[in-house]
Amino acid sequence: MRDEGRAASDEEKRESAGRSSSRLSPLASRLTVRRMELAQYEPTWRAMQSFTAARSAVTPDELWLVEHPPVYTLGLNGKGQHLPRSDNGIPVIKVDRGGQITYHGPGQIVVYTLLDLRRRGLGVRALVRKLENAVIELLADYGMEANGRDEAPGVYVAGAKVAALGLRVRNGCCFHGLSLNVDMDLSPFHAIDPCGYPGLQVTQLRDLGIDEQIEAVAEKLLAKLANGI
């Protein structure tokens, strides 16, 4: 893992240059935030699909803030060997995002990013970097150094993953998003290889010495995302 910041690729530089030369339209800059509290995973996922399918060229973008009851989600790249190694009673749901397996549970912030990428002039890679950077900047405000990794999207502190990312794009619009571990039971991660990486350690803000209520952290993260995307 590299400790230094990630160097931008030529593609990312071209995308950045193109965006810097023109401001977002008023519609593209609109962002609705929905605070959903604790919600079951599958109905939330289906609602994301329905929202994306029904979008038009003038549908405002949205961020959905939510926590989920305990659940594993298996992405499009997930295989049998990625399933939990023990039966701990936590359901597994096969979903349509990228990536492999991860865990969601209470005490974890989840932000779903329902964005019109074409309208914002964003590619998937650029969006991933923006989501990572929002978490990295948030942690920096707490005095914590964090980084992304080219080969494994997400945010890491001293090699341990604190935030995970997974997206799906349909007709130029994305859904799914990111999760940030704040103050949760991490033991369900021990039954899987998080994001498909054997031996990958997982951490959370509480274990990093950041003692702040999850609601306050969530609002700060939302502000970083709204300003960054």
Protein backbone atom coordinates (compact mmCIF):
# COMPACT_ATOMS: atom_id res chain seq x y z
CA MET A 1 0.00 0.00 0.00
CA ARG A 2 1.26 3.47 -0.79
CA ASP A 3 1.26 6.08 1.97
CA GLU A 4 1.65 8.99 -0.41
CA GLY A 5 -1.25 10.51 -2.33
CA ARG A 6 -2.34 8.89 -5.56
CA ALA A 7 -0.99 10.48 -8.71
CA ALA A 8 -3.69 11.46 -11.18
CA SER A 9 -3.80 9.52 -14.42
CA ASP A 10 -3.82 11.30 -17.77
CA GLU A 11 -7.53 10.47 -18.08
CA GLU A 12 -8.30 12.03 -14.69
CA LYS A 13 -6.29 15.15 -15.58
CA ARG A 14 -8.25 15.57 -18.80
CA GLU A 15 -11.55 15.14 -16.94
CA SER A 16 -10.47 17.65 -14.31
CA ALA A 17 -9.37 20.18 -16.90
CA GLY A 18 -12.67 19.85 -18.73
CA ARG A 19 -14.68 20.41 -15.56
CA SER A 20 -12.60 23.36 -14.39
CA SER A 21 -13.23 25.22 -17.62
CA SER A 22 -17.01 25.40 -17.10
CA ARG A 23 -19.25 25.64 -14.07
CA LEU A 24 -22.05 23.23 -13.34
CA SER A 25 -25.46 24.28 -14.59
CA PRO A 26 -27.96 25.30 -11.88
CA LEU A 27 -29.75 21.96 -12.29
CA ALA A 28 -26.53 19.94 -12.05
CA SER A 29 -25.58 21.77 -8.85
CA ARG A 30 -28.89 20.95 -7.12
CA LEU A 31 -28.61 18.16 -4.58
CA THR A 32 -31.43 16.84 -2.41
CA VAL A 33 -30.47 15.10 0.84
CA ARG A 34 -32.79 12.45 2.28
CA ARG A 35 -32.18 11.31 5.86
CA MET A 36 -33.69 7.85 6.22
CA GLU A 37 -32.40 6.73 9.66
CA LEU A 38 -32.41 2.91 10.14
CA ALA A 39 -33.87 1.16 7.07
CA GLN A 40 -33.88 -2.38 5.75
CA TYR A 41 -31.38 -2.90 2.94
CA GLU A 42 -33.44 -4.53 0.22
CA PRO A 43 -36.33 -2.02 0.10
CA THR A 44 -33.78 0.79 0.04
CA TRP A 45 -31.90 -0.85 -2.82
CA ARG A 46 -35.10 -1.39 -4.79
CA ALA A 47 -36.05 2.24 -4.21
CA MET A 48 -32.67 3.31 -5.64
CA GLN A 49 -33.30 1.20 -8.73
CA SER A 50 -36.76 2.66 -9.19
CA PHE A 51 -35.56 6.23 -8.70
CA THR A 52 -32.81 5.73 -11.28
CA ALA A 53 -35.11 4.06 -13.80
CA ALA A 54 -37.65 6.88 -13.53
CA ARG A 55 -35.14 9.73 -13.84
CA SER A 56 -35.46 12.31 -16.57
CA ALA A 57 -33.03 14.94 -17.77
CA VAL A 58 -34.39 17.36 -15.17
CA THR A 59 -34.50 15.07 -12.12
CA PRO A 60 -32.38 16.61 -9.33
CA ASP A 61 -29.59 14.50 -7.90
CA GLU A 62 -29.99 13.06 -4.42
CA LEU A 63 -27.92 11.79 -1.49
CA TRP A 64 -29.59 9.24 0.78
CA LEU A 65 -28.25 8.99 4.32
CA VAL A 66 -29.10 5.73 6.05
CA GLU A 67 -28.03 3.02 8.48
CA HIS A 68 -28.95 -0.62 7.89
CA PRO A 69 -29.71 -3.54 10.19
CA PRO A 70 -27.03 -6.26 9.91
CA VAL A 71 -26.69 -7.49 6.31
CA TYR A 72 -24.03 -8.75 3.91
CA THR A 73 -24.25 -7.58 0.31
CA LEU A 74 -22.60 -9.53 -2.49
CA GLY A 75 -21.73 -7.47 -5.56
CA LEU A 76 -21.55 -8.43 -9.22
CA ASN A 77 -17.98 -9.70 -8.86
CA GLY A 78 -18.82 -11.82 -5.82
CA LYS A 79 -18.35 -15.60 -5.96
CA GLY A 80 -19.05 -18.55 -3.72
CA GLN A 81 -15.72 -18.25 -1.95
CA HIS A 82 -16.63 -14.73 -0.88
CA LEU A 83 -19.65 -15.84 1.15
CA PRO A 84 -19.45 -15.80 4.98
CA ARG A 85 -17.35 -18.65 6.37
CA SER A 86 -19.71 -19.17 9.30
CA ASP A 87 -23.47 -19.05 9.75
CA ASN A 88 -23.94 -16.07 12.04
CA GLY A 89 -27.57 -15.51 11.11
CA ILE A 90 -26.87 -12.38 9.07
CA PRO A 91 -28.63 -12.42 5.69
CA VAL A 92 -26.71 -12.21 2.40
CA ILE A 93 -28.26 -10.24 -0.47
CA LYS A 94 -26.94 -10.42 -4.03
CA VAL A 95 -27.00 -6.93 -5.49
CA ASP A 96 -26.15 -5.08 -8.69
CA ARG A 97 -23.28 -2.87 -7.55
CA GLY A 98 -19.67 -3.44 -8.48
CA GLY A 99 -17.28 -5.21 -6.14
CA GLN A 100 -17.58 -8.31 -4.02
CA ILE A 101 -18.81 -8.73 -0.44
CA THR A 102 -19.17 -6.24 2.37
CA TYR A 103 -21.09 -5.84 5.61
CA HIS A 104 -23.52 -3.14 6.72
CA GLY A 105 -24.83 -2.67 10.24
CA PRO A 106 -25.90 -0.13 12.85
CA GLY A 107 -23.20 2.39 13.70
CA GLN A 108 -22.07 2.62 10.07
CA ILE A 109 -22.90 5.65 7.92
CA VAL A 110 -24.14 4.77 4.45
CA VAL A 111 -24.56 7.48 1.82
CA TYR A 112 -26.15 6.52 -1.48
CA THR A 113 -25.20 8.79 -4.37
CA LEU A 114 -27.97 9.06 -6.95
CA LEU A 115 -26.28 11.28 -9.52
CA ASP A 116 -26.60 12.13 -13.19
CA LEU A 117 -22.95 11.68 -14.13
CA ARG A 118 -23.34 13.00 -17.66
CA ARG A 119 -24.93 16.20 -16.41
CA ARG A 120 -22.10 16.65 -13.91
CA GLY A 121 -19.42 15.84 -16.48
CA LEU A 122 -18.10 12.99 -14.34
CA GLY A 123 -16.70 9.60 -15.22
CA VAL A 124 -16.92 6.71 -12.78
CA ARG A 125 -13.25 6.89 -11.88
CA ALA A 126 -13.48 10.60 -11.14
CA LEU A 127 -16.55 10.05 -8.96
CA VAL A 128 -14.79 7.32 -6.99
CA ARG A 129 -11.90 9.72 -6.31
CA LYS A 130 -14.34 12.43 -5.17
CA LEU A 131 -16.09 10.06 -2.77
CA GLU A 132 -12.78 8.88 -1.37
CA ASN A 133 -11.52 12.44 -1.02
CA ALA A 134 -14.64 13.49 0.90
CA VAL A 135 -13.87 10.83 3.53
CA ILE A 136 -10.13 11.62 3.51
CA GLU A 137 -10.87 15.31 4.08
CA LEU A 138 -13.34 14.47 6.84
CA LEU A 139 -10.76 12.37 8.66
CA ALA A 140 -8.14 15.09 8.18
CA ASP A 141 -10.43 17.47 10.07
CA TYR A 142 -10.13 15.06 13.00
CA GLY A 143 -6.33 15.02 12.66
CA MET A 144 -6.32 11.57 11.05
CA GLU A 145 -4.22 10.73 7.96
CA ALA A 146 -6.00 8.49 5.46
CA ASN A 147 -5.52 7.45 1.86
CA GLY A 148 -7.08 5.65 -1.09
CA ARG A 149 -5.65 2.73 -3.03
CA ASP A 150 -5.65 2.33 -6.78
CA GLU A 151 -6.10 -1.43 -6.68
CA ALA A 152 -8.82 -1.47 -4.01
CA PRO A 153 -11.21 1.52 -3.92
CA GLY A 154 -12.07 2.80 -0.47
CA VAL A 155 -10.37 4.73 2.31
CA TYR A 156 -7.68 3.33 4.58
CA VAL A 157 -5.96 4.36 7.81
CA ALA A 158 -2.63 2.64 8.47
CA GLY A 159 -3.64 -0.15 6.07
CA ALA A 160 -7.05 -0.84 7.63
CA LYS A 161 -10.21 -0.06 5.68
CA VAL A 162 -12.52 2.48 7.25
CA ALA A 163 -14.75 3.28 4.25
CA ALA A 164 -15.96 1.13 1.35
CA LEU A 165 -17.30 2.10 -2.07
CA GLY A 166 -19.54 0.41 -4.61
CA LEU A 167 -21.41 1.89 -7.57
CA ARG A 168 -23.74 0.97 -10.41
CA VAL A 169 -24.26 3.12 -13.51
CA ARG A 170 -27.32 2.92 -15.76
CA ASN A 171 -27.93 5.29 -18.65
CA GLY A 172 -25.31 7.70 -17.38
CA CYS A 173 -26.75 7.82 -13.84
CA CYS A 174 -25.31 6.12 -10.78
CA PHE A 175 -26.63 4.68 -7.55
CA HIS A 176 -25.26 2.79 -4.53
CA GLY A 177 -22.43 4.76 -2.87
CA LEU A 178 -20.18 4.60 0.18
CA SER A 179 -20.14 3.37 3.76
CA LEU A 180 -18.08 4.73 6.67
CA ASN A 181 -17.53 2.71 9.84
CA VAL A 182 -18.11 4.93 12.87
CA ASP A 183 -19.11 3.03 16.02
CA MET A 184 -20.29 -0.48 15.21
CA ASP A 185 -19.77 -4.16 15.91
CA LEU A 186 -16.98 -5.12 13.50
CA SER A 187 -17.09 -8.84 14.27
CA PRO A 188 -19.27 -9.74 11.23
CA PHE A 189 -16.38 -8.61 9.02
CA HIS A 190 -14.33 -11.48 10.49
CA ALA A 191 -16.54 -14.02 8.69
CA ILE A 192 -15.71 -12.62 5.24
CA ASP A 193 -12.79 -11.31 3.21
CA PRO A 194 -13.89 -7.67 3.12
CA CYS A 195 -14.38 -6.54 -0.48
CA GLY A 196 -12.90 -9.91 -1.51
CA TYR A 197 -9.40 -9.28 -0.08
CA PRO A 198 -8.17 -12.04 2.26
CA GLY A 199 -6.65 -10.68 5.42
CA LEU A 200 -7.83 -7.11 4.88
CA GLN A 201 -8.19 -5.38 8.22
CA VAL A 202 -11.21 -3.18 8.94
CA THR A 203 -11.35 -0.31 11.40
CA GLN A 204 -13.77 2.40 12.56
CA LEU A 205 -13.64 5.94 13.86
CA ARG A 206 -14.19 4.92 17.48
CA ASP A 207 -11.15 2.62 17.41
CA LEU A 208 -9.13 5.43 15.83
CA GLY A 209 -9.85 7.67 18.81
CA ILE A 210 -12.57 9.76 17.15
CA ASP A 211 -15.33 10.00 19.75
CA GLU A 212 -18.21 11.85 18.13
CA GLN A 213 -21.86 10.96 17.73
CA ILE A 214 -22.65 9.27 14.43
CA GLU A 215 -25.25 11.93 13.59
CA ALA A 216 -22.63 14.68 13.80
CA VAL A 217 -20.15 12.72 11.69
CA ALA A 218 -22.85 12.06 9.10
CA GLU A 219 -23.68 15.74 8.72
CA LYS A 220 -20.01 16.60 8.26
CA LEU A 221 -19.63 13.89 5.65
CA LEU A 222 -22.71 15.09 3.79
CA ALA A 223 -21.24 18.59 3.67
CA LYS A 224 -17.95 17.26 2.27
CA LEU A 225 -19.80 15.28 -0.39
CA ALA A 226 -22.09 18.15 -1.36
CA ASN A 227 -19.09 20.45 -1.78
CA GLY A 228 -16.94 17.86 -3.52
CA ILE A 229 -19.19 16.42 -6.18
